[in-house]
Amino acid sequence: METNNPRFECGQRVRAAQNLFNDGSYSEQTANAMLVRRGEAGDIVFVTRRADTGTVVYLVEFALNQIIGCLDSELMQWCSGAVRNNGERPRYEAHIQPVSACTGLRGYAIA
């Protein structure tokens, strides 16, 4: 069941909770073609609502600048990765910093 309150916000990193297929929005792809695999990460670039139902829709930029409209049920929180037994994060993750939400710069930057 979809909620009318957004769970995620613009600029937040998320993962696809399920495989996402073309609903006809991408004319260059065949109908029902898989666009994003379950678990693939993306960044929310815009949060809006359907005018007729008020359902929250997230525009998520996945790989290769592919922006897909997603519902709450199609997304899950992104975790930055496993923490080692000693509490340290893998070395490469220590330098990843989120870019300011919705400033035209999207994703993560290496510090």
N, C-alpha and C. Protein backbone atom coordinates (compact mmCIF):
# COMPACT_ATOMS: atom_id res chain seq x y z
N MET A 1 0.84 -1.19 0.00
CA MET A 1 0.00 0.00 0.00
C MET A 1 0.89 1.25 0.00
N GLU A 2 0.58 2.18 -0.85
CA GLU A 2 1.36 3.41 -0.96
C GLU A 2 0.87 4.43 0.07
N THR A 3 1.77 5.24 0.53
CA THR A 3 1.45 6.26 1.52
C THR A 3 1.45 7.63 0.86
N ASN A 4 0.76 8.57 1.46
CA ASN A 4 0.76 9.94 0.94
C ASN A 4 1.88 10.77 1.52
N ASN A 5 2.62 10.22 2.49
CA ASN A 5 3.76 10.93 3.08
C ASN A 5 5.05 10.37 2.51
N PRO A 6 5.90 11.23 1.96
CA PRO A 6 7.15 10.73 1.39
C PRO A 6 8.04 10.08 2.45
N ARG A 7 8.57 8.90 2.12
CA ARG A 7 9.53 8.22 3.00
C ARG A 7 10.94 8.70 2.74
N PHE A 8 11.20 9.15 1.51
CA PHE A 8 12.52 9.58 1.10
C PHE A 8 12.47 11.04 0.68
N GLU A 9 13.64 11.66 0.60
CA GLU A 9 13.68 13.06 0.19
C GLU A 9 14.67 13.26 -0.94
N CYS A 10 14.54 14.40 -1.58
CA CYS A 10 15.38 14.75 -2.71
C CYS A 10 16.85 14.71 -2.28
N GLY A 11 17.68 14.07 -3.12
CA GLY A 11 19.10 13.96 -2.83
C GLY A 11 19.48 12.70 -2.09
N GLN A 12 18.50 11.96 -1.61
CA GLN A 12 18.78 10.75 -0.84
C GLN A 12 19.14 9.60 -1.78
N ARG A 13 20.07 8.77 -1.35
CA ARG A 13 20.48 7.58 -2.11
C ARG A 13 19.57 6.43 -1.71
N VAL A 14 19.07 5.68 -2.68
CA VAL A 14 18.16 4.56 -2.43
C VAL A 14 18.57 3.37 -3.30
N ARG A 15 17.92 2.23 -3.08
CA ARG A 15 18.11 1.04 -3.90
C ARG A 15 16.74 0.59 -4.42
N ALA A 16 16.74 -0.06 -5.57
CA ALA A 16 15.52 -0.64 -6.11
C ALA A 16 15.15 -1.85 -5.25
N ALA A 17 13.94 -1.88 -4.74
CA ALA A 17 13.48 -2.98 -3.89
C ALA A 17 13.05 -4.18 -4.73
N GLN A 18 12.90 -3.97 -6.02
CA GLN A 18 12.50 -5.03 -6.94
C GLN A 18 13.00 -4.69 -8.33
N ASN A 19 12.95 -5.63 -9.24
CA ASN A 19 13.28 -5.32 -10.62
C ASN A 19 12.27 -4.32 -11.15
N LEU A 20 12.73 -3.33 -11.90
CA LEU A 20 11.84 -2.30 -12.46
C LEU A 20 11.78 -2.48 -13.97
N PHE A 21 10.56 -2.53 -14.50
CA PHE A 21 10.33 -2.79 -15.91
C PHE A 21 9.71 -1.59 -16.60
N ASN A 22 9.89 -1.50 -17.90
CA ASN A 22 9.34 -0.42 -18.71
C ASN A 22 7.82 -0.53 -18.76
N ASP A 23 7.15 0.51 -18.30
CA ASP A 23 5.68 0.54 -18.33
C ASP A 23 5.17 1.26 -19.57
N GLY A 24 6.08 1.53 -20.49
CA GLY A 24 5.72 2.26 -21.71
C GLY A 24 6.28 3.67 -21.72
N SER A 25 6.88 4.08 -20.62
CA SER A 25 7.44 5.43 -20.51
C SER A 25 8.67 5.63 -21.38
N TYR A 26 9.37 4.54 -21.68
CA TYR A 26 10.59 4.61 -22.49
C TYR A 26 10.32 3.99 -23.85
N SER A 27 10.01 4.84 -24.82
CA SER A 27 9.66 4.36 -26.16
C SER A 27 10.83 3.68 -26.87
N GLU A 28 12.05 4.01 -26.48
CA GLU A 28 13.22 3.40 -27.11
C GLU A 28 13.48 1.98 -26.59
N GLN A 29 12.78 1.59 -25.54
CA GLN A 29 12.89 0.24 -24.97
C GLN A 29 11.61 -0.54 -25.30
N THR A 30 11.72 -1.85 -25.39
CA THR A 30 10.53 -2.66 -25.62
C THR A 30 9.65 -2.65 -24.37
N ALA A 31 8.36 -2.88 -24.57
CA ALA A 31 7.42 -2.95 -23.45
C ALA A 31 7.86 -4.06 -22.49
N ASN A 32 7.79 -3.79 -21.24
CA ASN A 32 8.15 -4.72 -20.17
C ASN A 32 9.63 -5.08 -20.11
N ALA A 33 10.49 -4.32 -20.80
CA ALA A 33 11.94 -4.54 -20.71
C ALA A 33 12.42 -4.16 -19.31
N MET A 34 13.36 -4.93 -18.75
CA MET A 34 13.90 -4.58 -17.44
C MET A 34 14.78 -3.35 -17.56
N LEU A 35 14.50 -2.35 -16.74
CA LEU A 35 15.27 -1.11 -16.75
C LEU A 35 16.31 -1.10 -15.63
N VAL A 36 15.93 -1.60 -14.46
CA VAL A 36 16.80 -1.58 -13.28
C VAL A 36 16.64 -2.90 -12.54
N ARG A 37 17.76 -3.48 -12.12
CA ARG A 37 17.72 -4.72 -11.34
C ARG A 37 17.53 -4.42 -9.86
N ARG A 38 16.89 -5.34 -9.16
CA ARG A 38 16.70 -5.24 -7.71
C ARG A 38 18.07 -5.01 -7.06
N GLY A 39 18.13 -4.05 -6.15
CA GLY A 39 19.36 -3.76 -5.41
C GLY A 39 20.21 -2.67 -6.02
N GLU A 40 19.93 -2.29 -7.28
CA GLU A 40 20.72 -1.24 -7.92
C GLU A 40 20.48 0.10 -7.22
N ALA A 41 21.56 0.85 -7.00
CA ALA A 41 21.48 2.13 -6.29
C ALA A 41 21.20 3.28 -7.24
N GLY A 42 20.52 4.29 -6.72
CA GLY A 42 20.24 5.51 -7.46
C GLY A 42 20.03 6.66 -6.51
N ASP A 43 19.92 7.86 -7.05
CA ASP A 43 19.72 9.07 -6.24
C ASP A 43 18.38 9.70 -6.59
N ILE A 44 17.64 10.09 -5.57
CA ILE A 44 16.36 10.76 -5.80
C ILE A 44 16.65 12.18 -6.25
N VAL A 45 16.14 12.54 -7.43
CA VAL A 45 16.38 13.87 -7.98
C VAL A 45 15.14 14.76 -7.89
N PHE A 46 13.97 14.16 -7.64
CA PHE A 46 12.75 14.96 -7.53
C PHE A 46 11.69 14.13 -6.84
N VAL A 47 10.89 14.76 -5.99
CA VAL A 47 9.77 14.09 -5.33
C VAL A 47 8.51 14.86 -5.73
N THR A 48 7.51 14.13 -6.20
CA THR A 48 6.27 14.76 -6.65
C THR A 48 5.09 13.88 -6.27
N ARG A 49 3.90 14.27 -6.67
CA ARG A 49 2.69 13.50 -6.42
C ARG A 49 1.88 13.37 -7.69
N ARG A 50 1.21 12.26 -7.85
CA ARG A 50 0.28 12.11 -8.97
C ARG A 50 -0.91 13.03 -8.71
N ALA A 51 -1.29 13.79 -9.71
CA ALA A 51 -2.37 14.76 -9.55
C ALA A 51 -3.70 14.08 -9.24
N ASP A 52 -3.95 12.92 -9.85
CA ASP A 52 -5.26 12.27 -9.68
C ASP A 52 -5.42 11.52 -8.37
N THR A 53 -4.34 10.95 -7.83
CA THR A 53 -4.44 10.14 -6.62
C THR A 53 -3.69 10.70 -5.42
N GLY A 54 -2.76 11.61 -5.65
CA GLY A 54 -1.95 12.15 -4.56
C GLY A 54 -0.82 11.21 -4.15
N THR A 55 -0.64 10.09 -4.87
CA THR A 55 0.41 9.13 -4.56
C THR A 55 1.78 9.76 -4.79
N VAL A 56 2.68 9.57 -3.84
CA VAL A 56 4.04 10.09 -3.95
C VAL A 56 4.79 9.31 -5.03
N VAL A 57 5.47 10.05 -5.91
CA VAL A 57 6.31 9.46 -6.96
C VAL A 57 7.70 10.08 -6.83
N TYR A 58 8.70 9.21 -6.84
CA TYR A 58 10.10 9.64 -6.75
C TYR A 58 10.73 9.49 -8.12
N LEU A 59 11.39 10.54 -8.60
CA LEU A 59 12.19 10.42 -9.81
C LEU A 59 13.59 10.06 -9.35
N VAL A 60 14.05 8.88 -9.74
CA VAL A 60 15.32 8.36 -9.27
C VAL A 60 16.28 8.22 -10.45
N GLU A 61 17.48 8.79 -10.30
CA GLU A 61 18.51 8.66 -11.32
C GLU A 61 19.36 7.44 -11.00
N PHE A 62 19.23 6.44 -11.84
CA PHE A 62 20.05 5.23 -11.73
C PHE A 62 21.24 5.40 -12.67
N ALA A 63 21.98 4.36 -12.92
CA ALA A 63 23.17 4.42 -13.77
C ALA A 63 22.87 4.99 -15.15
N LEU A 64 23.90 5.59 -15.74
CA LEU A 64 23.83 6.11 -17.11
C LEU A 64 22.76 7.18 -17.29
N ASN A 65 22.56 7.99 -16.26
CA ASN A 65 21.61 9.10 -16.31
C ASN A 65 20.19 8.65 -16.64
N GLN A 66 19.83 7.45 -16.28
CA GLN A 66 18.49 6.93 -16.51
C GLN A 66 17.60 7.33 -15.34
N ILE A 67 16.63 8.20 -15.59
CA ILE A 67 15.73 8.68 -14.54
C ILE A 67 14.40 7.94 -14.67
N ILE A 68 14.00 7.30 -13.58
CA ILE A 68 12.80 6.46 -13.57
C ILE A 68 11.89 6.90 -12.44
N GLY A 69 10.60 7.00 -12.73
CA GLY A 69 9.60 7.29 -11.71
C GLY A 69 9.33 6.04 -10.89
N CYS A 70 9.44 6.15 -9.56
CA CYS A 70 9.27 4.99 -8.68
C CYS A 70 8.28 5.32 -7.56
N LEU A 71 7.58 4.29 -7.12
CA LEU A 71 6.70 4.39 -5.96
C LEU A 71 7.46 3.96 -4.71
N ASP A 72 6.89 4.30 -3.53
CA ASP A 72 7.50 3.90 -2.25
C ASP A 72 7.85 2.42 -2.23
N SER A 73 6.91 1.59 -2.65
CA SER A 73 7.08 0.14 -2.56
C SER A 73 8.20 -0.38 -3.47
N GLU A 74 8.63 0.42 -4.43
CA GLU A 74 9.68 0.00 -5.36
C GLU A 74 11.08 0.40 -4.90
N LEU A 75 11.14 1.09 -3.74
CA LEU A 75 12.43 1.58 -3.25
C LEU A 75 12.69 1.11 -1.83
N MET A 76 13.99 1.03 -1.48
CA MET A 76 14.39 0.75 -0.11
C MET A 76 15.59 1.63 0.22
N GLN A 77 15.84 1.78 1.50
CA GLN A 77 16.96 2.61 1.92
C GLN A 77 18.27 2.03 1.44
N TRP A 78 19.20 2.91 1.12
CA TRP A 78 20.53 2.51 0.69
C TRP A 78 21.42 2.47 1.92
N CYS A 79 22.18 1.41 2.07
CA CYS A 79 23.16 1.30 3.14
C CYS A 79 24.52 1.45 2.50
N SER A 80 25.39 2.19 3.13
CA SER A 80 26.69 2.49 2.54
C SER A 80 27.63 1.30 2.51
N GLY A 81 27.28 0.22 3.17
CA GLY A 81 28.14 -0.95 3.11
C GLY A 81 28.36 -1.57 4.46
N ALA A 82 29.03 -2.65 4.44
CA ALA A 82 29.27 -3.40 5.66
C ALA A 82 30.29 -2.69 6.54
N VAL A 83 30.11 -2.85 7.82
CA VAL A 83 31.08 -2.35 8.80
C VAL A 83 31.87 -3.56 9.26
N ARG A 84 33.18 -3.43 9.27
CA ARG A 84 34.04 -4.54 9.69
C ARG A 84 33.87 -4.82 11.18
N ASN A 85 34.38 -5.94 11.61
CA ASN A 85 34.28 -6.33 13.02
C ASN A 85 34.85 -5.28 13.96
N ASN A 86 35.88 -4.56 13.53
CA ASN A 86 36.50 -3.56 14.40
C ASN A 86 35.78 -2.20 14.32
N GLY A 87 34.65 -2.15 13.60
CA GLY A 87 33.86 -0.92 13.52
C GLY A 87 34.27 0.01 12.39
N GLU A 88 35.32 -0.34 11.65
CA GLU A 88 35.78 0.51 10.55
C GLU A 88 35.01 0.19 9.28
N ARG A 89 34.82 1.20 8.47
CA ARG A 89 34.23 1.00 7.15
C ARG A 89 35.36 0.71 6.18
N PRO A 90 35.06 0.04 5.09
CA PRO A 90 36.10 -0.17 4.08
C PRO A 90 36.74 1.16 3.69
N ARG A 91 38.02 1.16 3.39
CA ARG A 91 38.79 2.38 3.17
C ARG A 91 38.16 3.29 2.11
N TYR A 92 37.66 2.73 1.00
CA TYR A 92 37.12 3.56 -0.05
C TYR A 92 35.87 4.32 0.38
N GLU A 93 35.08 3.77 1.33
CA GLU A 93 33.86 4.43 1.77
C GLU A 93 34.13 5.61 2.69
N ALA A 94 35.28 5.67 3.30
CA ALA A 94 35.59 6.77 4.21
C ALA A 94 35.67 8.10 3.48
N HIS A 95 35.87 8.06 2.16
CA HIS A 95 36.03 9.27 1.37
C HIS A 95 34.78 9.66 0.60
N ILE A 96 33.70 8.91 0.75
CA ILE A 96 32.48 9.21 0.01
C ILE A 96 31.61 10.15 0.84
N GLN A 97 31.27 11.27 0.25
CA GLN A 97 30.44 12.27 0.93
C GLN A 97 29.24 12.60 0.05
N PRO A 98 28.02 12.70 0.63
CA PRO A 98 26.87 13.05 -0.19
C PRO A 98 27.00 14.48 -0.72
N VAL A 99 26.57 14.68 -1.95
CA VAL A 99 26.52 16.01 -2.55
C VAL A 99 25.24 16.67 -2.08
N SER A 100 25.24 17.98 -1.91
CA SER A 100 24.06 18.70 -1.44
C SER A 100 22.84 18.31 -2.24
N ALA A 101 21.76 18.09 -1.53
CA ALA A 101 20.52 17.62 -2.16
C ALA A 101 19.96 18.63 -3.15
N CYS A 102 19.72 18.16 -4.33
CA CYS A 102 19.00 18.88 -5.38
C CYS A 102 19.55 20.27 -5.68
N THR A 103 20.85 20.37 -5.81
CA THR A 103 21.47 21.63 -6.17
C THR A 103 21.90 21.61 -7.63
N GLY A 104 21.47 20.57 -8.33
CA GLY A 104 21.93 20.41 -9.70
C GLY A 104 23.07 19.42 -9.76
N LEU A 105 23.75 19.24 -8.62
CA LEU A 105 24.79 18.23 -8.51
C LEU A 105 24.17 17.03 -7.83
N ARG A 106 24.30 15.87 -8.45
CA ARG A 106 23.64 14.71 -7.89
C ARG A 106 24.68 13.64 -7.57
N GLY A 107 24.32 12.79 -6.63
CA GLY A 107 25.14 11.63 -6.33
C GLY A 107 26.12 11.87 -5.21
N TYR A 108 27.23 11.23 -5.33
CA TYR A 108 28.24 11.28 -4.28
C TYR A 108 29.56 11.73 -4.86
N ALA A 109 30.31 12.41 -4.06
CA ALA A 109 31.61 12.92 -4.50
C ALA A 109 32.69 12.27 -3.67
N ILE A 110 33.83 12.08 -4.27
CA ILE A 110 34.96 11.53 -3.54
C ILE A 110 35.71 12.70 -2.91
N ALA A 111 35.85 12.65 -1.58
CA ALA A 111 36.47 13.75 -0.85
C ALA A 111 37.98 13.61 -0.87
